[in-house]
Amino acid sequence: MKKLHLSQTNKKIAGVCGGLGEYFKIDPTVLRILWVVFTLLGGAGIIAYLIFWFFMPST
């Protein structure tokens, strides 16, 4: 059973995109690019990142 958690091996800031990439089996770079796009389109990316960072458990 896979669990959603902050990545300890594939992280740039907090490991949110790395953890989501491991969970959904998606390249974290794609998620990082999407995160930047959402941030530039209105700032929702920053709020979502902070929420994930706060609520995702570390391993």
N, C-alpha and C. Protein backbone atom coordinates (compact mmCIF):
# COMPACT_ATOMS: atom_id res chain seq x y z
N MET A 1 0.85 -1.19 0.00
CA MET A 1 0.00 0.00 0.00
C MET A 1 0.89 1.24 0.00
N LYS A 2 0.68 2.12 -0.97
CA LYS A 2 1.50 3.31 -1.04
C LYS A 2 0.90 4.42 -0.19
N LYS A 3 1.78 5.27 0.35
CA LYS A 3 1.36 6.37 1.20
C LYS A 3 1.87 7.67 0.62
N LEU A 4 1.07 8.70 0.77
CA LEU A 4 1.48 10.03 0.34
C LEU A 4 2.34 10.63 1.44
N HIS A 5 3.56 11.04 1.09
CA HIS A 5 4.47 11.63 2.07
C HIS A 5 5.46 12.55 1.35
N LEU A 6 6.13 13.39 2.11
CA LEU A 6 7.17 14.25 1.56
C LEU A 6 8.36 13.39 1.17
N SER A 7 8.91 13.65 0.00
CA SER A 7 10.04 12.87 -0.47
C SER A 7 11.32 13.34 0.23
N GLN A 8 12.12 12.40 0.66
CA GLN A 8 13.40 12.73 1.27
C GLN A 8 14.53 12.65 0.25
N THR A 9 14.30 11.96 -0.87
CA THR A 9 15.35 11.76 -1.87
C THR A 9 15.19 12.66 -3.09
N ASN A 10 13.98 13.05 -3.43
CA ASN A 10 13.73 13.84 -4.63
C ASN A 10 13.06 15.14 -4.23
N LYS A 11 13.82 16.03 -3.62
CA LYS A 11 13.23 17.28 -3.19
C LYS A 11 14.10 18.46 -3.58
N LYS A 12 13.45 19.57 -3.82
CA LYS A 12 14.14 20.82 -4.11
C LYS A 12 13.94 21.80 -2.96
N ILE A 13 12.72 21.91 -2.46
CA ILE A 13 12.43 22.79 -1.33
C ILE A 13 11.99 21.96 -0.14
N ALA A 14 10.82 21.35 -0.24
CA ALA A 14 10.30 20.58 0.90
C ALA A 14 10.01 19.12 0.55
N GLY A 15 10.01 18.77 -0.72
CA GLY A 15 9.73 17.40 -1.11
C GLY A 15 8.29 17.15 -1.50
N VAL A 16 7.51 18.22 -1.67
CA VAL A 16 6.09 18.06 -2.01
C VAL A 16 5.94 17.47 -3.40
N CYS A 17 6.58 18.05 -4.40
CA CYS A 17 6.46 17.54 -5.77
C CYS A 17 7.07 16.16 -5.90
N GLY A 18 8.17 15.91 -5.22
CA GLY A 18 8.77 14.58 -5.24
C GLY A 18 7.86 13.54 -4.63
N GLY A 19 7.22 13.88 -3.52
CA GLY A 19 6.29 12.95 -2.88
C GLY A 19 5.05 12.69 -3.73
N LEU A 20 4.51 13.74 -4.33
CA LEU A 20 3.36 13.56 -5.21
C LEU A 20 3.74 12.76 -6.45
N GLY A 21 4.94 13.00 -6.97
CA GLY A 21 5.40 12.24 -8.12
C GLY A 21 5.56 10.76 -7.82
N GLU A 22 6.10 10.45 -6.64
CA GLU A 22 6.24 9.05 -6.24
C GLU A 22 4.87 8.41 -6.05
N TYR A 23 3.94 9.13 -5.48
CA TYR A 23 2.61 8.59 -5.20
C TYR A 23 1.84 8.31 -6.49
N PHE A 24 1.86 9.27 -7.42
CA PHE A 24 1.09 9.13 -8.66
C PHE A 24 1.92 8.56 -9.81
N LYS A 25 3.20 8.24 -9.56
CA LYS A 25 4.11 7.70 -10.57
C LYS A 25 4.22 8.63 -11.78
N ILE A 26 4.46 9.92 -11.45
CA ILE A 26 4.65 10.97 -12.45
C ILE A 26 6.02 11.58 -12.18
N ASP A 27 6.66 12.04 -13.24
CA ASP A 27 7.94 12.71 -13.09
C ASP A 27 7.74 14.00 -12.28
N PRO A 28 8.47 14.18 -11.17
CA PRO A 28 8.30 15.38 -10.36
C PRO A 28 8.60 16.68 -11.10
N THR A 29 9.41 16.62 -12.15
CA THR A 29 9.71 17.82 -12.93
C THR A 29 8.44 18.34 -13.60
N VAL A 30 7.61 17.45 -14.08
CA VAL A 30 6.33 17.86 -14.69
C VAL A 30 5.47 18.55 -13.65
N LEU A 31 5.42 18.01 -12.45
CA LEU A 31 4.63 18.63 -11.38
C LEU A 31 5.20 19.99 -11.00
N ARG A 32 6.51 20.11 -10.98
CA ARG A 32 7.12 21.41 -10.65
C ARG A 32 6.77 22.46 -11.70
N ILE A 33 6.79 22.08 -12.97
CA ILE A 33 6.43 23.02 -14.04
C ILE A 33 4.97 23.44 -13.90
N LEU A 34 4.09 22.47 -13.64
CA LEU A 34 2.67 22.80 -13.44
C LEU A 34 2.50 23.73 -12.24
N TRP A 35 3.25 23.49 -11.19
CA TRP A 35 3.17 24.33 -10.00
C TRP A 35 3.55 25.77 -10.31
N VAL A 36 4.60 25.95 -11.10
CA VAL A 36 5.01 27.30 -11.48
C VAL A 36 3.94 27.96 -12.34
N VAL A 37 3.35 27.21 -13.25
CA VAL A 37 2.29 27.77 -14.11
C VAL A 37 1.11 28.23 -13.25
N PHE A 38 0.67 27.38 -12.31
CA PHE A 38 -0.44 27.77 -11.44
C PHE A 38 -0.09 28.97 -10.57
N THR A 39 1.16 29.07 -10.16
CA THR A 39 1.58 30.22 -9.37
C THR A 39 1.54 31.49 -10.20
N LEU A 40 1.99 31.42 -11.44
CA LEU A 40 2.00 32.60 -12.30
C LEU A 40 0.60 33.00 -12.75
N LEU A 41 -0.34 32.07 -12.74
CA LEU A 41 -1.70 32.37 -13.19
C LEU A 41 -2.62 32.87 -12.07
N GLY A 42 -2.07 33.24 -10.96
CA GLY A 42 -2.92 33.80 -9.94
C GLY A 42 -2.48 33.52 -8.52
N GLY A 43 -1.40 32.81 -8.34
CA GLY A 43 -0.90 32.59 -7.00
C GLY A 43 -1.43 31.37 -6.28
N ALA A 44 -2.33 30.61 -6.91
CA ALA A 44 -2.90 29.44 -6.24
C ALA A 44 -1.84 28.38 -5.97
N GLY A 45 -0.80 28.34 -6.78
CA GLY A 45 0.26 27.35 -6.59
C GLY A 45 0.99 27.52 -5.28
N ILE A 46 1.22 28.74 -4.87
CA ILE A 46 1.92 29.00 -3.60
C ILE A 46 1.08 28.53 -2.43
N ILE A 47 -0.18 28.86 -2.44
CA ILE A 47 -1.07 28.46 -1.34
C ILE A 47 -1.19 26.95 -1.28
N ALA A 48 -1.37 26.31 -2.43
CA ALA A 48 -1.49 24.85 -2.47
C ALA A 48 -0.21 24.19 -1.99
N TYR A 49 0.96 24.71 -2.39
CA TYR A 49 2.24 24.14 -1.97
C TYR A 49 2.38 24.21 -0.46
N LEU A 50 2.05 25.35 0.11
CA LEU A 50 2.16 25.51 1.56
C LEU A 50 1.20 24.56 2.31
N ILE A 51 0.02 24.38 1.77
CA ILE A 51 -0.94 23.45 2.39
C ILE A 51 -0.41 22.03 2.34
N PHE A 52 0.08 21.61 1.16
CA PHE A 52 0.65 20.26 1.05
C PHE A 52 1.85 20.10 1.98
N TRP A 53 2.71 21.10 2.04
CA TRP A 53 3.91 21.05 2.89
C TRP A 53 3.52 20.87 4.35
N PHE A 54 2.49 21.55 4.77
CA PHE A 54 2.06 21.49 6.16
C PHE A 54 1.38 20.15 6.50
N PHE A 55 0.54 19.64 5.60
CA PHE A 55 -0.26 18.47 5.92
C PHE A 55 0.33 17.13 5.49
N MET A 56 1.28 17.11 4.55
CA MET A 56 1.88 15.84 4.13
C MET A 56 2.89 15.39 5.19
N PRO A 57 2.80 14.15 5.64
CA PRO A 57 3.75 13.68 6.64
C PRO A 57 5.11 13.40 6.00
N SER A 58 6.17 13.58 6.77
CA SER A 58 7.47 13.17 6.29
C SER A 58 7.66 11.70 6.64
N THR A 59 8.59 11.04 5.97
CA THR A 59 8.75 9.60 6.17
C THR A 59 9.39 9.27 7.48
